[in-house]
Amino acid sequence: MASRRQANGLRRENDPPLLILISLAEGPKHGHALAKDIEGFAGVTLGPGALYGAITRLEERGLIEPLGSDDRRRPYQITSAGSAALAGALADLRRVTSVGLARLRIGGSLA
């Protein structure tokens, strides 16, 4: 899995399960569409192993589910459990980001 690095060497958030859930929150997508969407909004390129490994784990945990398909593409959609897990993860990230910005005296609260 490759990620676009910031000039200062710090990486952007690049957790494949989180990025997949964020992408699917917009609507169902198949693997290639997920990868392109994630690259577009996060600047993260997920290789097939990282992408499909994360899809398998998310499906096993009941956070996403496959939809029927008439061709070789297999679209997935986020489940209600996946939406709840995503909301919790994003709230955690917001809290950490808010503390970091406050300590740097940048911006203000994200709450």
N, C-alpha and C. Protein backbone atom coordinates (compact mmCIF):
# COMPACT_ATOMS: atom_id res chain seq x y z
N MET A 1 0.85 -1.17 0.00
CA MET A 1 0.00 0.00 0.00
C MET A 1 0.89 1.22 0.00
N ALA A 2 0.69 2.10 -0.95
CA ALA A 2 1.47 3.34 -1.03
C ALA A 2 0.57 4.50 -0.66
N SER A 3 1.18 5.52 -0.11
CA SER A 3 0.45 6.72 0.27
C SER A 3 1.22 7.93 -0.19
N ARG A 4 0.51 8.95 -0.59
CA ARG A 4 1.16 10.20 -0.95
C ARG A 4 1.70 10.81 0.35
N ARG A 5 2.99 11.10 0.39
CA ARG A 5 3.61 11.67 1.58
C ARG A 5 3.57 13.19 1.51
N GLN A 6 3.38 13.79 2.66
CA GLN A 6 3.47 15.24 2.78
C GLN A 6 4.94 15.63 2.65
N ALA A 7 5.21 16.86 2.32
CA ALA A 7 6.59 17.33 2.14
C ALA A 7 7.41 17.14 3.41
N ASN A 8 6.79 17.19 4.58
CA ASN A 8 7.50 17.07 5.84
C ASN A 8 7.71 15.62 6.28
N GLY A 9 7.28 14.65 5.49
CA GLY A 9 7.47 13.25 5.81
C GLY A 9 6.34 12.62 6.61
N LEU A 10 5.38 13.41 7.08
CA LEU A 10 4.25 12.84 7.82
C LEU A 10 3.25 12.26 6.83
N ARG A 11 2.61 11.17 7.25
CA ARG A 11 1.65 10.51 6.36
C ARG A 11 0.23 10.91 6.71
N ARG A 12 -0.58 10.89 5.69
CA ARG A 12 -2.02 11.08 5.89
C ARG A 12 -2.60 9.78 6.42
N GLU A 13 -3.81 9.87 6.95
CA GLU A 13 -4.50 8.66 7.41
C GLU A 13 -4.62 7.69 6.24
N ASN A 14 -4.22 6.44 6.44
CA ASN A 14 -4.24 5.48 5.34
C ASN A 14 -4.69 4.09 5.77
N ASP A 15 -5.61 4.00 6.70
CA ASP A 15 -6.11 2.72 7.18
C ASP A 15 -7.12 2.16 6.16
N PRO A 16 -6.79 1.05 5.47
CA PRO A 16 -7.68 0.56 4.43
C PRO A 16 -9.13 0.33 4.86
N PRO A 17 -9.41 -0.34 6.01
CA PRO A 17 -10.82 -0.53 6.37
C PRO A 17 -11.57 0.80 6.55
N LEU A 18 -10.92 1.76 7.19
CA LEU A 18 -11.56 3.06 7.38
C LEU A 18 -11.83 3.73 6.04
N LEU A 19 -10.86 3.71 5.14
CA LEU A 19 -11.03 4.35 3.83
C LEU A 19 -12.12 3.66 3.02
N ILE A 20 -12.20 2.35 3.10
CA ILE A 20 -13.25 1.60 2.38
C ILE A 20 -14.63 1.97 2.93
N LEU A 21 -14.77 2.02 4.25
CA LEU A 21 -16.07 2.39 4.83
C LEU A 21 -16.45 3.82 4.44
N ILE A 22 -15.49 4.74 4.45
CA ILE A 22 -15.78 6.11 4.03
C ILE A 22 -16.26 6.12 2.58
N SER A 23 -15.60 5.39 1.72
CA SER A 23 -16.01 5.34 0.32
C SER A 23 -17.41 4.76 0.16
N LEU A 24 -17.68 3.65 0.87
CA LEU A 24 -18.99 3.01 0.73
C LEU A 24 -20.12 3.80 1.39
N ALA A 25 -19.77 4.74 2.28
CA ALA A 25 -20.80 5.59 2.88
C ALA A 25 -21.50 6.43 1.82
N GLU A 26 -20.84 6.64 0.69
CA GLU A 26 -21.43 7.39 -0.43
C GLU A 26 -22.37 6.52 -1.27
N GLY A 27 -22.18 5.21 -1.22
CA GLY A 27 -23.01 4.30 -2.00
C GLY A 27 -22.21 3.07 -2.41
N PRO A 28 -22.88 2.03 -2.91
CA PRO A 28 -22.20 0.78 -3.28
C PRO A 28 -21.16 0.99 -4.36
N LYS A 29 -20.08 0.20 -4.26
CA LYS A 29 -19.01 0.25 -5.26
C LYS A 29 -18.35 -1.12 -5.35
N HIS A 30 -17.78 -1.43 -6.50
CA HIS A 30 -16.96 -2.63 -6.65
C HIS A 30 -15.51 -2.26 -6.38
N GLY A 31 -14.64 -3.25 -6.32
CA GLY A 31 -13.25 -3.04 -5.92
C GLY A 31 -12.51 -1.95 -6.65
N HIS A 32 -12.56 -1.95 -7.99
CA HIS A 32 -11.83 -0.94 -8.76
C HIS A 32 -12.38 0.46 -8.47
N ALA A 33 -13.69 0.58 -8.39
CA ALA A 33 -14.30 1.88 -8.09
C ALA A 33 -13.92 2.35 -6.68
N LEU A 34 -13.84 1.43 -5.73
CA LEU A 34 -13.39 1.76 -4.38
C LEU A 34 -11.97 2.32 -4.42
N ALA A 35 -11.08 1.61 -5.11
CA ALA A 35 -9.68 2.02 -5.18
C ALA A 35 -9.55 3.41 -5.79
N LYS A 36 -10.28 3.67 -6.87
CA LYS A 36 -10.21 4.99 -7.53
C LYS A 36 -10.78 6.09 -6.64
N ASP A 37 -11.89 5.81 -5.97
CA ASP A 37 -12.48 6.80 -5.08
C ASP A 37 -11.53 7.13 -3.93
N ILE A 38 -10.96 6.11 -3.32
CA ILE A 38 -10.03 6.31 -2.20
C ILE A 38 -8.81 7.11 -2.65
N GLU A 39 -8.30 6.78 -3.81
CA GLU A 39 -7.16 7.55 -4.34
C GLU A 39 -7.55 9.01 -4.54
N GLY A 40 -8.78 9.24 -4.99
CA GLY A 40 -9.24 10.60 -5.23
C GLY A 40 -9.44 11.42 -3.97
N PHE A 41 -10.07 10.85 -2.94
CA PHE A 41 -10.37 11.66 -1.75
C PHE A 41 -9.28 11.61 -0.69
N ALA A 42 -8.44 10.57 -0.69
CA ALA A 42 -7.44 10.44 0.37
C ALA A 42 -6.01 10.49 -0.15
N GLY A 43 -5.82 10.40 -1.46
CA GLY A 43 -4.48 10.38 -2.00
C GLY A 43 -3.73 9.11 -1.65
N VAL A 44 -4.47 8.03 -1.39
CA VAL A 44 -3.88 6.75 -0.99
C VAL A 44 -4.16 5.73 -2.09
N THR A 45 -3.10 5.05 -2.53
CA THR A 45 -3.25 3.99 -3.52
C THR A 45 -3.18 2.65 -2.79
N LEU A 46 -4.29 1.94 -2.78
CA LEU A 46 -4.33 0.62 -2.15
C LEU A 46 -4.03 -0.44 -3.20
N GLY A 47 -3.05 -1.26 -2.95
CA GLY A 47 -2.78 -2.38 -3.83
C GLY A 47 -3.87 -3.42 -3.68
N PRO A 48 -3.96 -4.34 -4.63
CA PRO A 48 -5.02 -5.36 -4.57
C PRO A 48 -5.02 -6.16 -3.28
N GLY A 49 -3.84 -6.52 -2.76
CA GLY A 49 -3.78 -7.29 -1.52
C GLY A 49 -4.36 -6.54 -0.34
N ALA A 50 -3.99 -5.27 -0.21
CA ALA A 50 -4.50 -4.45 0.89
C ALA A 50 -6.00 -4.22 0.73
N LEU A 51 -6.43 -3.91 -0.49
CA LEU A 51 -7.84 -3.62 -0.74
C LEU A 51 -8.71 -4.84 -0.47
N TYR A 52 -8.40 -5.95 -1.12
CA TYR A 52 -9.28 -7.12 -1.01
C TYR A 52 -9.13 -7.82 0.34
N GLY A 53 -7.95 -7.72 0.96
CA GLY A 53 -7.80 -8.24 2.32
C GLY A 53 -8.70 -7.48 3.29
N ALA A 54 -8.72 -6.16 3.17
CA ALA A 54 -9.57 -5.33 4.04
C ALA A 54 -11.04 -5.59 3.74
N ILE A 55 -11.41 -5.74 2.47
CA ILE A 55 -12.80 -6.04 2.11
C ILE A 55 -13.23 -7.35 2.78
N THR A 56 -12.38 -8.36 2.71
CA THR A 56 -12.70 -9.66 3.33
C THR A 56 -12.91 -9.52 4.82
N ARG A 57 -12.02 -8.79 5.49
CA ARG A 57 -12.15 -8.61 6.95
C ARG A 57 -13.42 -7.82 7.29
N LEU A 58 -13.72 -6.78 6.53
CA LEU A 58 -14.93 -5.99 6.79
C LEU A 58 -16.18 -6.83 6.58
N GLU A 59 -16.17 -7.66 5.55
CA GLU A 59 -17.31 -8.54 5.29
C GLU A 59 -17.47 -9.56 6.41
N GLU A 60 -16.37 -10.15 6.86
CA GLU A 60 -16.42 -11.13 7.96
C GLU A 60 -16.96 -10.51 9.24
N ARG A 61 -16.71 -9.23 9.46
CA ARG A 61 -17.18 -8.54 10.67
C ARG A 61 -18.59 -7.98 10.50
N GLY A 62 -19.18 -8.16 9.33
CA GLY A 62 -20.54 -7.69 9.10
C GLY A 62 -20.65 -6.18 8.89
N LEU A 63 -19.53 -5.54 8.54
CA LEU A 63 -19.55 -4.09 8.34
C LEU A 63 -19.84 -3.69 6.90
N ILE A 64 -19.62 -4.62 5.98
CA ILE A 64 -20.03 -4.43 4.59
C ILE A 64 -20.63 -5.74 4.10
N GLU A 65 -21.36 -5.66 2.99
CA GLU A 65 -21.93 -6.88 2.41
C GLU A 65 -21.92 -6.77 0.89
N PRO A 66 -21.74 -7.92 0.23
CA PRO A 66 -21.74 -7.91 -1.23
C PRO A 66 -23.17 -7.78 -1.76
N LEU A 67 -23.27 -7.20 -2.93
CA LEU A 67 -24.54 -7.13 -3.63
C LEU A 67 -24.47 -8.08 -4.82
N GLY A 68 -25.61 -8.50 -5.32
CA GLY A 68 -25.64 -9.35 -6.49
C GLY A 68 -25.11 -8.62 -7.70
N SER A 69 -24.55 -9.37 -8.64
CA SER A 69 -24.00 -8.77 -9.84
C SER A 69 -24.17 -9.71 -11.01
N ASP A 70 -24.39 -9.13 -12.19
CA ASP A 70 -24.54 -9.92 -13.41
C ASP A 70 -23.22 -10.09 -14.15
N ASP A 71 -22.19 -9.36 -13.73
CA ASP A 71 -20.89 -9.50 -14.40
C ASP A 71 -19.83 -9.88 -13.37
N ARG A 72 -18.57 -9.79 -13.75
CA ARG A 72 -17.49 -10.22 -12.86
C ARG A 72 -17.23 -9.25 -11.71
N ARG A 73 -17.73 -8.04 -11.81
CA ARG A 73 -17.55 -7.07 -10.73
C ARG A 73 -18.50 -7.39 -9.59
N ARG A 74 -17.97 -7.30 -8.37
CA ARG A 74 -18.78 -7.60 -7.18
C ARG A 74 -18.90 -6.33 -6.34
N PRO A 75 -20.03 -5.65 -6.42
CA PRO A 75 -20.18 -4.44 -5.61
C PRO A 75 -20.46 -4.77 -4.15
N TYR A 76 -20.06 -3.83 -3.29
CA TYR A 76 -20.27 -3.95 -1.85
C TYR A 76 -21.02 -2.72 -1.36
N GLN A 77 -21.72 -2.91 -0.26
CA GLN A 77 -22.38 -1.78 0.39
C GLN A 77 -22.10 -1.83 1.89
N ILE A 78 -22.12 -0.67 2.51
CA ILE A 78 -21.91 -0.58 3.95
C ILE A 78 -23.20 -1.05 4.64
N THR A 79 -23.06 -1.74 5.76
CA THR A 79 -24.21 -2.18 6.54
C THR A 79 -24.50 -1.14 7.63
N SER A 80 -25.60 -1.32 8.34
CA SER A 80 -25.89 -0.40 9.45
C SER A 80 -24.82 -0.52 10.53
N ALA A 81 -24.31 -1.73 10.77
CA ALA A 81 -23.21 -1.90 11.72
C ALA A 81 -21.96 -1.19 11.22
N GLY A 82 -21.73 -1.23 9.92
CA GLY A 82 -20.59 -0.53 9.34
C GLY A 82 -20.72 0.97 9.46
N SER A 83 -21.92 1.48 9.26
CA SER A 83 -22.15 2.92 9.43
C SER A 83 -21.90 3.35 10.87
N ALA A 84 -22.36 2.54 11.82
CA ALA A 84 -22.14 2.86 13.24
C ALA A 84 -20.65 2.81 13.59
N ALA A 85 -19.94 1.80 13.08
CA ALA A 85 -18.51 1.68 13.34
C ALA A 85 -17.75 2.86 12.72
N LEU A 86 -18.14 3.25 11.52
CA LEU A 86 -17.50 4.40 10.86
C LEU A 86 -17.74 5.68 11.65
N ALA A 87 -18.97 5.89 12.09
CA ALA A 87 -19.28 7.09 12.87
C ALA A 87 -18.43 7.15 14.14
N GLY A 88 -18.26 6.02 14.81
CA GLY A 88 -17.44 5.97 16.01
C GLY A 88 -15.97 6.26 15.72
N ALA A 89 -15.46 5.66 14.65
CA ALA A 89 -14.05 5.88 14.29
C ALA A 89 -13.81 7.34 13.92
N LEU A 90 -14.74 7.93 13.19
CA LEU A 90 -14.57 9.33 12.79
C LEU A 90 -14.69 10.26 14.00
N ALA A 91 -15.55 9.93 14.94
CA ALA A 91 -15.65 10.73 16.17
C ALA A 91 -14.33 10.66 16.94
N ASP A 92 -13.72 9.48 17.00
CA ASP A 92 -12.42 9.34 17.67
C ASP A 92 -11.36 10.18 16.97
N LEU A 93 -11.33 10.13 15.64
CA LEU A 93 -10.36 10.93 14.88
C LEU A 93 -10.60 12.42 15.08
N ARG A 94 -11.86 12.81 15.13
CA ARG A 94 -12.19 14.22 15.35
C ARG A 94 -11.66 14.68 16.70
N ARG A 95 -11.84 13.84 17.71
CA ARG A 95 -11.39 14.19 19.06
C ARG A 95 -9.86 14.36 19.09
N VAL A 96 -9.14 13.43 18.48
CA VAL A 96 -7.68 13.51 18.44
C VAL A 96 -7.23 14.74 17.64
N THR A 97 -7.87 14.98 16.51
CA THR A 97 -7.54 16.13 15.68
C THR A 97 -7.80 17.43 16.43
N SER A 98 -8.90 17.49 17.13
CA SER A 98 -9.26 18.68 17.88
C SER A 98 -8.21 18.99 18.96
N VAL A 99 -7.77 17.95 19.68
CA VAL A 99 -6.74 18.14 20.70
C VAL A 99 -5.44 18.62 20.04
N GLY A 100 -5.06 17.99 18.96
CA GLY A 100 -3.82 18.38 18.27
C GLY A 100 -3.86 19.82 17.81
N LEU A 101 -4.97 20.23 17.20
CA LEU A 101 -5.10 21.62 16.74
C LEU A 101 -5.09 22.59 17.91
N ALA A 102 -5.75 22.24 19.00
CA ALA A 102 -5.78 23.11 20.17
C ALA A 102 -4.38 23.27 20.76
N ARG A 103 -3.64 22.18 20.81
CA ARG A 103 -2.29 22.25 21.37
C ARG A 103 -1.36 23.06 20.48
N LEU A 104 -1.63 23.06 19.19
CA LEU A 104 -0.86 23.89 18.27
C LEU A 104 -1.40 25.32 18.19
N ARG A 105 -2.54 25.52 18.84
CA ARG A 105 -3.25 26.81 18.82
C ARG A 105 -3.62 27.19 17.38
N ILE A 106 -4.15 26.18 16.66
CA ILE A 106 -4.59 26.36 15.28
C ILE A 106 -6.09 26.11 15.21
N GLY A 107 -6.79 26.94 14.50
CA GLY A 107 -8.19 26.69 14.17
C GLY A 107 -9.15 26.82 15.29
N GLY A 108 -9.23 25.93 16.16
CA GLY A 108 -10.27 25.89 17.18
C GLY A 108 -10.82 24.50 17.25
N SER A 109 -11.92 24.35 17.88
CA SER A 109 -12.50 23.03 18.12
C SER A 109 -13.23 22.53 16.90
N LEU A 110 -13.17 21.22 16.67
CA LEU A 110 -13.92 20.57 15.60
C LEU A 110 -15.21 19.99 16.12
N ALA A 111 -15.46 20.10 17.40
CA ALA A 111 -16.65 19.47 18.00
C ALA A 111 -17.93 20.11 17.57
